[in-house]
Amino acid sequence: MKRKYSVITINVVVFIAWIFCVKGVTSFEVPPVKMEAFTPTGFRASILASPGIKLFAFHGNINRVIDLDEGDVFGEVRFPTEGRFVVYDKNIVLKPGDIIYYWVYVQNFASGHRVDGKKYVIEVLKPYEEITGFPNSDLLCEGTVIFEDTFKTKSLNQSVWQIEHRIPTYTGPDYEFNSYLNSEETIFIKNSTLFLRPVPHRDEADVRGDLDLRNGCTAGDKSPLECFYQQKSAFLLPLVKSARIYSKKSFKFGTVYIRCKLPAGDWIYPIVHLEPVNSNNNLPMIWIAFSRGNDRLYGAGGNDLGSRLLFGGPIFDHSEPGRSRFLRTVRSDTPFFKEFHTYKLVWKPDRITFGVDNYTYGTVQSNEFSAFSDMSSENNNLQFRLSIGVGVGGITNFPDGFKSGEVDKPWNNPERNMLVHFFNKRNEWLKTWTEDGSALQIDYVRIWTL
C-alpha cells in the first residue's frame, strides 16, 4: 500500500500544478524584484514566475531618480527561465554603493500591474552564473522555458552541454572528413557568441601518422576507431578539426529557437538538429537548420543546392531517396550564411513546423509516414537532445556530379581515395573559408514547453 500511496501523491501534485496552470489565482500582487550585479559587468532583475504572469518589464536608472521613462536599464520578457522572469543587461557596469531607481510592470492574465518609485542599493558584485536549470517537466506550465543558453560565460557551460571528442571519419553514418575536438581552437565564446569553428590541416604530415583521442573520448568503448586511428595508405587522418556539442537536457515535444549564423565555405555544412539520446544509428533526427556552405552548388540540371536553400524536417533514413522525403525547404535571395537568422521548430504530437525569422516555410504531419507517427506517439518514450556543430565533406550531404561555382566536387560517394582527392584539392576549397565566417556562430538557444 505504501508504493501505491506515493504514486497517487505524485499524481495529485501534478494535477494541482495543472489546475494552477489553467485557472490561475483570483488575487495578485507583483512578486518582489530580485536584483543582482555582476563582475566585471552585468545586471539582472527578475521575479518569481506564477501561472498567470504573461509579461515582466523592468525600467531603471543608475544613481538618479526615474519617472515613467525607459531608463538606463530596461527590458521585457514574456517567458520564464527556470521559474523566473529575467531581464538581463550584460553591458552595465556597477559598483557597490550604486543605487538603482526603478519601476516594473507585470501582466497577470489580462490585467496589468505597475509598481513605481522603488530603489535598490548595490551591496556586492558577484560572478555571473547562467540560468539554465531544468525543472521537473511534469510540473511545467505551458510556455515554460526548460533550456536556455545565451553564452554570457567565458567558456561553454559544460554542466548543460556535452562537448564531442571523437573521430567519425570511418564509422559513419555521414563519414565526415573532420574530427570533433574538445579544444579552445575549435570551440570558444567571443562577445557573448558561441563559435564552433572548423580548422583545416594544410600539411601532408598533419594527415598521416595517428590520432589519439582516448583521453576524454566521448565515443567510449563501443567504437574504438573513434578514439584512436592510425593512418593507412589512402585512409588519411581527418583533414579538418571541428566542433560539435549536445545538450544534456533531453525532451520530447516543444518549441526550439536558435539564433545563429550558419557557416560559409565550400563543402562545409551546419549541424543544427534534434537526435535521439539512445539510438545506434542516430535516427530519427529532425533538422532545424541545414544549408550548405557552398555559395552556389549546381547540378547537371542547373538546380542550385547551395547556401541560398534552407532545409528543415525529420529524417528516417541515411540514404536517398528516403533521406529527403520529408524535408521542407525555403529559398532566399542571399546566402543564409551572410547574417544571423532565428530558426524555429515547433514539435507537437500531430505535426512538426519549421520557420525562419518569423516565416513558417514547412509542416510535416505525423500521419504522413508510420515511422513519424510512431516517433510522435505518446507511448514512445524516445527522448531527443539538441545537436549543434560543423561538419565537412562526407558521403551524405553533397551529391555527386555537382559543381561549387565552376569547380567540380573533388570526391565521389563513397570511394576508397575520397579523403586523398579532397585533400589534394585543398587550395581550391580553402580559398572560400575564413576563420570566423566558416564557423557556426550562435547567439542563443531557447527551448520551452508547448
Foldseek 3Di string as FASTA:
>chain_A
DVVVVVVVVVVVLLVVLACCLPPPDDDDDFADWDWAAAPPGKIKIKGFDGNFWQKKKKAKEKQDADDPDRHPAIDMDGEDFPRMGMGMDGHHGDDFQIKIAIKMWIGGHNDIDIDHRDMDGHHDHYHDDDRAAADDVSSDHFRYWRGKAQQSDFFDDVVFKDKAFWACLPPDDQNFLETAHPDPLQWGDDPSKIWWFKAFDQDPVVFAAKDAQQPPHPVPPVDVCGGIDHDDDLRTGRGIYTIKMWTPDWAAFWKKKWKWAAAAFPQKKKAWWKFWPDDPHRPWIWAQWIFARQQFKQAPVGDTRHQQKIKTGIAGDLDPPRRCPGIWIDGDPGGSNPDIKMWMWGDALFKIWTDINPGTGDMDGQVPDVVSNQSSDPPDPTIIITMTIMTGHGQRPRAARMARVPHHDQAHRPDSNRSVSCSVCCVPRVVTHDGRNRIIMTRMMIIGHD
